[in-house]
């Protein structure tokens, strides 16, 4: 498929690098959310183990 030069993002053949750069923030958000859920799960498990 031919794409006009004005419609190309980044360098030709470097799309994977561009995608990796875009997903850095998403990965950080996913990691932060996962840590939050793990902390909450630990709190719930501790409360259950203590009979609360």
Protein backbone atom coordinates (compact mmCIF):
# COMPACT_ATOMS: atom_id res chain seq x y z
CA UNK A 1 0.00 0.00 0.00
CA UNK A 2 1.34 3.43 -0.88
CA UNK A 3 1.12 6.08 1.81
CA UNK A 4 1.91 9.75 1.20
CA UNK A 5 5.04 10.93 3.00
CA UNK A 6 2.94 13.46 4.92
CA UNK A 7 0.93 10.61 6.48
CA UNK A 8 3.89 8.56 7.78
CA UNK A 9 4.50 8.65 11.53
CA UNK A 10 8.19 8.40 12.39
CA UNK A 11 10.68 6.64 10.16
CA UNK A 12 9.73 3.91 7.70
CA UNK A 13 10.46 0.52 9.26
CA UNK A 14 10.52 1.91 12.80
CA UNK A 15 6.86 1.42 13.68
CA UNK A 16 7.66 -1.03 16.46
CA UNK A 17 9.91 1.53 18.15
CA UNK A 18 7.18 4.16 17.90
CA UNK A 19 4.63 1.77 19.42
CA UNK A 20 6.97 0.90 22.30
CA UNK A 21 7.39 4.61 23.07
CA UNK A 22 3.62 5.16 23.09
CA UNK A 23 2.97 2.28 25.49
CA UNK A 24 5.43 3.37 28.20
CA UNK A 25 2.78 5.46 29.98
CA UNK A 26 0.15 2.76 29.60
CA UNK A 27 2.46 0.16 31.13
CA UNK A 28 3.16 2.44 34.09
CA UNK A 29 -0.56 2.98 34.67
CA UNK A 30 -1.25 -0.77 34.47
CA UNK A 31 1.60 -1.49 36.90
CA UNK A 32 0.37 1.13 39.37
CA UNK A 33 -3.15 -0.25 39.24
CA UNK A 34 -1.88 -3.82 39.70
CA UNK A 35 0.14 -2.81 42.75
CA UNK A 36 -2.89 -1.07 44.20
CA UNK A 37 -5.03 -4.18 43.71
CA UNK A 38 -2.33 -6.38 45.26
CA UNK A 39 -2.13 -4.11 48.33
CA UNK A 40 -5.93 -4.17 48.69
CA UNK A 41 -6.01 -7.96 48.32
CA UNK A 42 -3.34 -8.27 51.02
CA UNK A 43 -5.34 -6.01 53.34
CA UNK A 44 -8.50 -8.06 52.78
CA UNK A 45 -6.63 -11.34 53.35
CA UNK A 46 -5.07 -10.02 56.56
CA UNK A 47 -8.43 -8.83 57.83
CA UNK A 48 -10.00 -12.20 57.06
CA UNK A 49 -7.11 -14.06 58.74
CA UNK A 50 -7.51 -11.92 61.85
CA UNK A 51 -11.22 -12.65 61.91
CA UNK A 52 -12.28 -9.07 61.28
